[in-house]
Amino acid sequence: MPRVPLISLLLFFSIISMDFAGSAKRTLHFEERCKNKNWTTMYLRADGSNDTLHYLWDFGGKPSILMALTSLSTTLNIVCEDFLQKKDNSVIFSEKPTYTIGFILNNIIEFNDVNDTAVINLDNVANINFLKPEFFRWSRKSFSMFGDSFGLDMEGNSYNDKPMNIIRYGSIKFSLRGYYFMDHTDTIPHMLHTENATLVDLILDNIQTNESFSNSRFAIELMIVGGGDPHKSIIIDSKKNLDDEHTPGIFEMIEVRMPSFDRPEEVENNSAYLQWRPVSYVSANRDIADSTEIVQYRSSNVNDHITAIENSMLYCYYGNEANELLIQTLLISIGSKGDGFYKNTHYTTWTFIIGYGIPPDEQFSYLVIMIISIGLGLPLIIMFLTGLYMCIRNMSKRNTDTYLNR
């Protein structure tokens, strides 16, 4: 008998705990910095109750992102004249941040998958082309507040690598979203974000491929700067989920965590992470039928730290201190055996979350909890009512028999 209220209480507290888990919020402020017709630098400030997360999104040189955690009173200053010339110490915080990390879109790699393995071999140089994101002509499509988020949409066109004399048509679409509370993103694959996260959505749309490559695929190389012990490697894990409610057909999450410092004063959760579903969509519809796989590889160390970041906004902040930082590259390739290669649709995506703190775990939605509660509770309620009816019927029969016996 007591099982019914017990299950109800458990489900009730599950819903309440989900509400509290997503209750923290930040206040977002955004502005464009160092305005230049050929350059976009957007600053997003997310104020919490005890600290501030600063995001600097830059598309001059290599597209890059800087994320910094500071006290509420800290301000970000940019010396625009020096910044536009990519000089060090031109991005300055009024107080030293508690934590910083940077990301650079380092390379778009085209590879000829002759044997349809869907795995890139960087040693096979004859079947590899490197496209440098800084050689695209970047333009801002939109930036505005979307209710619960701030968004910036950029597009890179007219690829022109003058040193290598390579010209390509097609575009890279680069969308960024900053949030102020926990929820799933509107963009498929509906990643779960917190108030301490940014969504990055990359689309390779109709990129011209190498004429000599019969089976072109693309890979993306992301450079990670700072945010952890430079003597350790970033940690890449695969996590399984119980349901695919938000991303149909995908029960897996790839999680990348930055290596922590061995310092007693360090806060345990004082680190950043990346998360993505291992799925890429090959059409703008982003249906399960229009999807292929994403393959991740081990991270690689970068030897010359200064050269690696000097054509990006991160050099303006870190400067020569980059020599003492963790700098590693993360590589993912897009495609699976038998999917027809990039030429099949000339469209592919990679969507991931950049966050600070503890990576969020997927939880059952209210709808799923309601379905589970009905599925478990309804049979018990029926059993309870049936038992109650039988008891009342037996008691009534017993009382009738007693009266007749008199």
Protein backbone atom coordinates (compact mmCIF):
# COMPACT_ATOMS: atom_id res chain seq x y z
CA MET A 1 0.00 0.00 0.00
CA PRO A 2 2.65 2.63 0.89
CA ARG A 3 4.44 2.22 -2.48
CA VAL A 4 2.21 4.71 -4.28
CA PRO A 5 2.96 7.78 -2.11
CA LEU A 6 6.67 6.77 -1.95
CA ILE A 7 7.02 6.79 -5.75
CA SER A 8 5.11 10.05 -5.95
CA LEU A 9 7.45 11.65 -3.42
CA LEU A 10 10.55 10.40 -5.25
CA LEU A 11 9.31 11.81 -8.55
CA PHE A 12 8.33 15.07 -6.88
CA PHE A 13 11.77 15.54 -5.35
CA SER A 14 13.40 14.66 -8.71
CA ILE A 15 11.52 17.51 -10.36
CA ILE A 16 12.34 19.91 -7.52
CA SER A 17 16.06 19.00 -7.67
CA MET A 18 16.08 19.66 -11.43
CA ASP A 19 14.59 23.10 -10.82
CA PHE A 20 17.22 23.97 -8.22
CA ALA A 21 20.01 22.62 -10.42
CA GLY A 22 19.13 25.11 -13.12
CA SER A 23 18.18 28.02 -10.84
CA ALA A 24 21.51 29.89 -10.94
CA LYS A 25 21.46 32.80 -13.38
CA ARG A 26 23.81 35.44 -14.71
CA THR A 27 23.17 38.90 -16.11
CA LEU A 28 24.51 39.37 -19.64
CA HIS A 29 26.04 42.55 -21.06
CA PHE A 30 27.56 42.72 -24.52
CA GLU A 31 29.30 45.27 -26.70
CA GLU A 32 31.51 45.46 -29.74
CA ARG A 33 35.11 46.47 -29.05
CA CYS A 34 37.64 48.20 -31.34
CA LYS A 35 35.16 48.63 -34.18
CA ASN A 36 36.66 48.00 -37.59
CA LYS A 37 34.84 47.30 -40.87
CA ASN A 38 37.11 44.33 -41.63
CA TRP A 39 37.23 42.96 -38.11
CA THR A 40 34.73 41.83 -35.47
CA THR A 41 35.58 41.66 -31.77
CA MET A 42 32.65 41.07 -29.44
CA TYR A 43 32.80 41.25 -25.66
CA LEU A 44 30.25 39.43 -23.48
CA ARG A 45 30.19 39.95 -19.72
CA ALA A 46 28.17 37.50 -17.59
CA ASP A 47 27.76 38.71 -13.99
CA GLY A 48 26.79 36.20 -11.32
CA SER A 49 26.16 36.65 -7.61
CA ASN A 50 29.82 36.17 -6.66
CA ASP A 51 31.90 36.39 -9.84
CA THR A 52 32.00 37.39 -13.49
CA LEU A 53 32.68 35.37 -16.61
CA HIS A 54 34.20 37.39 -19.46
CA TYR A 55 34.06 36.19 -23.07
CA LEU A 56 36.01 37.82 -25.88
CA TRP A 57 35.12 36.54 -29.37
CA ASP A 58 37.48 37.73 -32.09
CA PHE A 59 37.59 37.32 -35.89
CA GLY A 60 40.74 39.22 -36.78
CA GLY A 61 43.39 36.69 -37.83
CA LYS A 62 42.59 33.22 -36.52
CA PRO A 63 39.05 33.10 -35.04
CA SER A 64 39.50 32.81 -31.28
CA ILE A 65 37.69 32.82 -27.95
CA LEU A 66 38.98 33.94 -24.55
CA MET A 67 37.08 33.00 -21.39
CA ALA A 68 38.09 34.42 -18.00
CA LEU A 69 36.64 34.12 -14.49
CA THR A 70 37.15 37.17 -12.27
CA SER A 71 35.72 39.03 -9.32
CA LEU A 72 32.61 41.14 -9.92
CA SER A 73 34.61 44.37 -9.78
CA THR A 74 37.07 43.38 -12.52
CA THR A 75 36.90 45.16 -15.87
CA LEU A 76 38.35 44.27 -19.27
CA ASN A 77 40.38 46.92 -21.08
CA ILE A 78 41.59 46.78 -24.71
CA VAL A 79 44.16 49.14 -26.18
CA CYS A 80 42.62 49.20 -29.65
CA GLU A 81 45.56 50.64 -31.60
CA ASP A 82 47.87 47.91 -30.31
CA PHE A 83 45.15 45.25 -30.43
CA LEU A 84 44.51 45.77 -34.14
CA GLN A 85 48.23 45.25 -34.72
CA LYS A 86 48.18 42.02 -32.67
CA LYS A 87 50.56 43.32 -30.00
CA ASP A 88 50.92 41.60 -26.65
CA ASN A 89 49.51 43.16 -23.48
CA SER A 90 46.81 44.97 -25.47
CA VAL A 91 44.06 42.97 -23.69
CA ILE A 92 44.21 43.66 -19.95
CA PHE A 93 42.05 42.86 -16.92
CA SER A 94 42.00 45.36 -14.03
CA GLU A 95 42.52 42.44 -11.62
CA LYS A 96 44.22 39.12 -12.27
CA PRO A 97 41.61 36.53 -13.29
CA THR A 98 41.01 33.44 -11.18
CA TYR A 99 40.98 31.32 -14.32
CA THR A 100 41.47 31.82 -18.06
CA ILE A 101 41.35 29.63 -21.13
CA GLY A 102 41.45 30.29 -24.85
CA PHE A 103 40.39 28.45 -28.01
CA ILE A 104 41.54 28.97 -31.60
CA LEU A 105 39.97 27.61 -34.76
CA ASN A 106 43.39 26.56 -36.02
CA ASN A 107 42.86 24.57 -39.20
CA ILE A 108 40.18 23.21 -41.50
CA ILE A 109 41.73 20.05 -42.92
CA GLU A 110 40.57 18.45 -46.16
CA PHE A 111 41.62 14.82 -46.63
CA ASN A 112 41.15 12.36 -49.45
CA ASP A 113 39.56 9.26 -47.90
CA VAL A 114 40.53 6.92 -50.71
CA ASN A 115 39.58 3.71 -48.87
CA ASP A 116 36.44 5.09 -47.20
CA THR A 117 37.72 4.52 -43.65
CA ALA A 118 36.41 7.87 -42.33
CA VAL A 119 39.70 8.22 -40.41
CA ILE A 120 42.27 10.90 -41.18
CA ASN A 121 45.95 10.04 -41.58
CA LEU A 122 47.99 13.23 -41.20
CA ASP A 123 51.17 11.42 -42.26
CA ASN A 124 49.76 10.88 -45.75
CA VAL A 125 50.63 14.41 -46.91
CA ALA A 126 49.68 13.71 -50.53
CA ASN A 127 46.05 13.35 -49.44
CA ILE A 128 45.94 16.33 -47.06
CA ASN A 129 45.14 20.02 -47.59
CA PHE A 130 45.25 22.60 -44.79
CA LEU A 131 42.83 25.52 -45.06
CA LYS A 132 43.75 28.38 -42.74
CA PRO A 133 40.66 30.08 -41.22
CA GLU A 134 42.43 33.47 -41.26
CA PHE A 135 42.43 33.37 -45.08
CA PHE A 136 38.64 33.44 -45.25
CA ARG A 137 37.02 36.86 -45.53
CA TRP A 138 34.95 37.07 -42.35
CA SER A 139 31.78 39.15 -42.13
CA ARG A 140 29.28 39.61 -39.32
CA LYS A 141 25.78 38.44 -40.18
CA SER A 142 24.05 39.29 -36.89
CA PHE A 143 24.47 39.87 -33.19
CA SER A 144 21.69 40.39 -30.70
CA MET A 145 20.01 39.17 -27.53
CA PHE A 146 17.68 36.19 -28.07
CA GLY A 147 15.58 36.09 -24.89
CA ASP A 148 17.75 33.78 -22.81
CA SER A 149 21.00 34.15 -24.79
CA PHE A 150 23.30 36.48 -26.68
CA GLY A 151 24.25 35.43 -30.19
CA LEU A 152 26.91 36.30 -32.75
CA ASP A 153 26.75 34.88 -36.28
CA MET A 154 29.82 35.12 -38.52
CA GLU A 155 30.49 33.83 -42.01
CA GLY A 156 33.80 33.27 -43.76
CA ASN A 157 33.81 33.36 -47.57
CA SER A 158 36.18 33.74 -50.54
CA TYR A 159 39.11 31.70 -49.23
CA ASN A 160 42.38 33.17 -50.56
CA ASP A 161 45.69 31.77 -49.35
CA LYS A 162 48.10 34.04 -51.23
CA PRO A 163 51.34 32.40 -49.98
CA MET A 164 50.14 29.00 -51.28
CA ASN A 165 48.15 30.48 -54.19
CA ILE A 166 44.98 28.60 -53.17
CA ILE A 167 41.53 30.07 -53.83
CA ARG A 168 38.29 28.30 -52.84
CA TYR A 169 34.63 29.24 -52.95
CA GLY A 170 32.14 28.22 -50.24
CA SER A 171 31.73 29.36 -46.65
CA ILE A 172 32.29 28.59 -43.00
CA LYS A 173 29.41 29.68 -40.78
CA PHE A 174 30.44 30.29 -37.19
CA SER A 175 27.71 30.89 -34.59
CA LEU A 176 28.31 31.62 -30.89
CA ARG A 177 25.76 31.78 -28.09
CA GLY A 178 26.26 32.85 -24.48
CA TYR A 179 23.66 31.90 -21.85
CA TYR A 180 22.56 33.02 -18.41
CA PHE A 181 20.93 29.82 -17.04
CA MET A 182 20.76 26.04 -17.52
CA ASP A 183 18.70 24.63 -20.37
CA HIS A 184 19.00 22.85 -23.71
CA THR A 185 20.02 24.88 -26.73
CA ASP A 186 17.58 25.64 -29.52
CA THR A 187 20.12 24.49 -32.08
CA ILE A 188 20.07 20.75 -32.87
CA PRO A 189 21.62 18.59 -31.35
CA HIS A 190 20.12 20.50 -28.38
CA MET A 191 23.17 20.49 -26.11
CA LEU A 192 22.65 21.00 -22.38
CA HIS A 193 24.29 24.25 -21.30
CA THR A 194 24.72 25.98 -17.95
CA GLU A 195 24.95 29.67 -17.13
CA ASN A 196 28.75 29.21 -17.44
CA ALA A 197 28.82 28.04 -21.06
CA THR A 198 29.07 29.11 -24.69
CA LEU A 199 27.68 27.21 -27.66
CA VAL A 200 29.80 27.02 -30.82
CA ASP A 201 28.12 25.87 -34.03
CA LEU A 202 30.31 25.40 -37.12
CA ILE A 203 28.95 24.74 -40.61
CA LEU A 204 31.03 23.96 -43.70
CA ASP A 205 28.69 24.98 -46.50
CA ASN A 206 29.49 24.22 -50.14
CA ILE A 207 33.26 24.42 -49.60
CA GLN A 208 35.09 23.81 -52.86
CA THR A 209 37.17 20.63 -52.63
CA ASN A 210 40.50 19.75 -54.18
CA GLU A 211 39.91 18.68 -57.79
CA SER A 212 42.43 15.86 -57.46
CA PHE A 213 40.68 14.41 -54.38
CA SER A 214 37.98 11.88 -55.34
CA ASN A 215 36.64 11.32 -51.80
CA SER A 216 37.08 14.51 -49.80
CA ARG A 217 36.18 14.71 -46.13
CA PHE A 218 36.90 17.46 -43.63
CA ALA A 219 38.46 17.58 -40.18
CA ILE A 220 38.64 20.50 -37.75
CA GLU A 221 41.64 21.30 -35.56
CA LEU A 222 40.93 23.29 -32.42
CA MET A 223 43.79 24.75 -30.38
CA ILE A 224 43.38 24.96 -26.59
CA VAL A 225 45.45 27.60 -24.79
CA GLY A 226 45.92 27.77 -21.01
CA GLY A 227 43.37 26.54 -18.52
CA GLY A 228 45.44 23.73 -17.03
CA ASP A 229 48.76 22.12 -16.11
CA PRO A 230 51.08 22.43 -19.16
CA HIS A 231 52.79 19.15 -18.24
CA LYS A 232 49.59 17.11 -18.53
CA SER A 233 47.31 16.20 -21.40
CA ILE A 234 43.68 17.12 -21.73
CA ILE A 235 41.28 14.31 -20.79
CA ILE A 236 38.85 12.95 -23.39
CA ASP A 237 35.99 10.73 -22.19
CA SER A 238 32.95 9.16 -23.77
CA LYS A 239 29.80 9.11 -21.64
CA LYS A 240 26.64 7.09 -22.27
CA ASN A 241 23.16 8.52 -21.76
CA LEU A 242 19.94 6.75 -20.82
CA ASP A 243 17.74 8.39 -23.42
CA ASP A 244 17.94 10.25 -26.72
CA GLU A 245 15.00 12.58 -26.17
CA HIS A 246 16.91 15.74 -27.19
CA THR A 247 19.15 14.20 -29.86
CA PRO A 248 17.30 11.30 -31.52
CA GLY A 249 19.45 8.25 -32.16
CA ILE A 250 22.46 9.51 -30.16
CA PHE A 251 23.11 8.00 -26.71
CA GLU A 252 26.66 9.28 -26.29
CA MET A 253 28.41 12.46 -25.16
CA ILE A 254 32.08 13.28 -25.75
CA GLU A 255 33.58 15.28 -22.90
CA VAL A 256 36.97 17.02 -22.85
CA ARG A 257 38.28 18.30 -19.51
CA MET A 258 41.29 20.48 -18.91
CA PRO A 259 44.04 19.00 -16.68
CA SER A 260 44.06 20.51 -13.19
CA PHE A 261 47.09 21.94 -11.41
CA ASP A 262 48.52 20.09 -8.40
CA ARG A 263 48.08 23.06 -6.11
CA PRO A 264 46.49 22.82 -2.65
CA GLU A 265 44.88 26.25 -3.03
CA GLU A 266 43.18 25.35 -6.33
CA VAL A 267 39.43 24.89 -6.24
CA GLU A 268 38.53 21.37 -7.37
CA ASN A 269 36.08 22.57 -10.02
CA ASN A 270 38.27 25.44 -11.23
CA SER A 271 38.62 24.18 -14.81
CA ALA A 272 37.00 24.26 -18.24
CA TYR A 273 35.47 21.60 -20.43
CA LEU A 274 34.18 20.89 -23.93
CA GLN A 275 31.18 18.72 -24.72
CA TRP A 276 29.62 17.52 -27.96
CA ARG A 277 27.44 14.78 -29.36
CA PRO A 278 29.35 12.64 -31.90
CA VAL A 279 26.96 13.56 -34.70
CA SER A 280 27.23 15.88 -37.69
CA TYR A 281 24.33 16.91 -39.88
CA VAL A 282 24.71 16.92 -43.65
CA SER A 283 21.74 19.15 -44.40
CA ALA A 284 20.24 22.28 -42.89
CA ASN A 285 17.20 20.22 -41.78
CA ARG A 286 19.35 18.39 -39.20
CA ASP A 287 17.16 15.30 -39.17
CA ILE A 288 18.39 11.92 -37.95
CA ALA A 289 18.22 10.72 -41.57
CA ASP A 290 20.61 13.53 -42.56
CA SER A 291 23.39 12.74 -40.12
CA THR A 292 26.85 11.24 -40.05
CA GLU A 293 29.47 10.63 -37.37
CA ILE A 294 32.21 12.64 -35.70
CA VAL A 295 35.48 10.92 -34.81
CA GLN A 296 37.75 12.39 -32.12
CA TYR A 297 41.49 11.80 -31.82
CA ARG A 298 44.07 12.12 -29.05
CA SER A 299 45.28 15.62 -28.28
CA SER A 300 48.70 16.75 -29.51
CA ASN A 301 51.26 19.05 -27.91
CA VAL A 302 52.33 22.26 -29.66
CA ASN A 303 56.06 22.95 -29.73
CA ASP A 304 56.41 26.63 -30.57
CA HIS A 305 53.82 28.27 -28.34
CA ILE A 306 54.41 31.87 -29.39
CA THR A 307 54.24 31.19 -33.14
CA ALA A 308 51.13 29.07 -32.63
CA ILE A 309 49.05 31.91 -31.16
CA GLU A 310 50.67 35.11 -32.47
CA ASN A 311 48.13 35.61 -35.28
CA SER A 312 45.21 35.49 -32.86
CA MET A 313 43.59 37.58 -30.17
CA LEU A 314 45.02 35.21 -27.53
CA TYR A 315 48.52 36.55 -28.15
CA CYS A 316 47.20 40.02 -27.32
CA TYR A 317 46.33 38.71 -23.85
CA TYR A 318 48.89 36.00 -23.07
CA GLY A 319 51.86 37.38 -25.02
CA ASN A 320 55.17 35.72 -24.22
CA GLU A 321 53.64 34.07 -21.15
CA ALA A 322 52.28 31.52 -23.62
CA ASN A 323 55.59 29.67 -23.28
CA GLU A 324 54.52 28.62 -19.77
CA LEU A 325 50.98 27.61 -20.73
CA LEU A 326 49.26 24.41 -21.72
CA ILE A 327 48.83 24.56 -25.51
CA GLN A 328 47.48 21.49 -27.26
CA THR A 329 45.47 20.76 -30.38
CA LEU A 330 42.27 18.74 -30.53
CA LEU A 331 41.31 17.09 -33.80
CA ILE A 332 37.93 15.77 -34.94
CA SER A 333 37.06 14.39 -38.37
CA ILE A 334 33.59 14.34 -39.86
CA GLY A 335 32.05 11.41 -41.69
CA SER A 336 31.38 7.68 -41.52
CA LYS A 337 31.88 4.76 -43.88
CA GLY A 338 29.40 4.67 -46.71
CA ASP A 339 27.93 8.15 -46.16
CA GLY A 340 28.92 9.37 -49.65
CA PHE A 341 31.71 11.74 -48.49
CA TYR A 342 31.44 15.54 -48.41
CA LYS A 343 30.49 15.67 -52.11
CA ASN A 344 27.19 13.94 -51.30
CA THR A 345 25.60 17.09 -49.84
CA HIS A 346 28.42 19.70 -49.61
CA TYR A 347 27.24 20.48 -46.07
CA THR A 348 28.41 19.39 -42.63
CA THR A 349 28.34 20.62 -39.03
CA TRP A 350 30.10 20.42 -35.68
CA THR A 351 28.32 21.73 -32.58
CA PHE A 352 29.99 21.88 -29.17
CA ILE A 353 29.81 23.54 -25.78
CA ILE A 354 32.64 25.43 -24.07
CA GLY A 355 31.99 25.66 -20.33
CA TYR A 356 33.50 26.41 -16.95
CA GLY A 357 33.06 24.30 -13.79
CA ILE A 358 31.40 20.89 -13.54
CA PRO A 359 30.08 19.58 -16.88
CA PRO A 360 26.31 19.10 -16.63
CA ASP A 361 24.77 15.64 -16.84
CA GLU A 362 21.65 14.97 -18.83
CA GLN A 363 18.51 14.49 -16.74
CA PHE A 364 15.07 13.21 -17.61
CA SER A 365 12.72 15.98 -18.72
CA TYR A 366 9.36 16.66 -17.09
CA LEU A 367 7.65 14.82 -19.94
CA VAL A 368 9.77 11.70 -19.46
CA ILE A 369 9.28 11.85 -15.68
CA MET A 370 5.53 12.16 -16.19
CA ILE A 371 5.51 9.16 -18.54
CA ILE A 372 7.58 7.12 -16.08
CA SER A 373 5.37 8.14 -13.19
CA ILE A 374 2.24 7.15 -15.13
CA GLY A 375 3.84 3.89 -16.25
CA LEU A 376 4.89 2.95 -12.72
CA GLY A 377 2.17 4.60 -10.71
CA LEU A 378 -0.95 3.72 -12.68
CA PRO A 379 -0.66 -0.08 -12.24
CA LEU A 380 -0.03 0.40 -8.53
CA ILE A 381 -3.01 2.72 -8.22
CA ILE A 382 -5.18 0.16 -10.04
CA MET A 383 -3.88 -2.58 -7.70
CA PHE A 384 -4.54 -0.33 -4.70
CA LEU A 385 -8.09 0.48 -5.80
CA THR A 386 -8.76 -3.17 -6.69
CA GLY A 387 -7.51 -4.27 -3.27
CA LEU A 388 -9.55 -1.57 -1.56
CA TYR A 389 -12.65 -2.63 -3.50
CA MET A 390 -12.12 -6.28 -2.56
CA CYS A 391 -11.66 -5.38 1.11
CA ILE A 392 -14.83 -3.27 1.17
CA ARG A 393 -16.74 -5.99 -0.70
CA ASN A 394 -15.57 -8.70 1.70
CA MET A 395 -16.36 -6.55 4.74
CA SER A 396 -19.83 -5.79 3.33
CA LYS A 397 -20.43 -9.49 2.63
CA ARG A 398 -19.24 -10.46 6.12
CA ASN A 399 -21.56 -7.89 7.72
CA THR A 400 -24.49 -9.14 5.60
CA ASP A 401 -23.83 -12.76 6.58
CA THR A 402 -23.62 -11.81 10.28
CA TYR A 403 -26.96 -9.94 10.04
CA LEU A 404 -28.66 -12.92 8.32
CA ASN A 405 -27.29 -15.37 10.88
CA ARG A 406 -28.98 -13.41 13.61
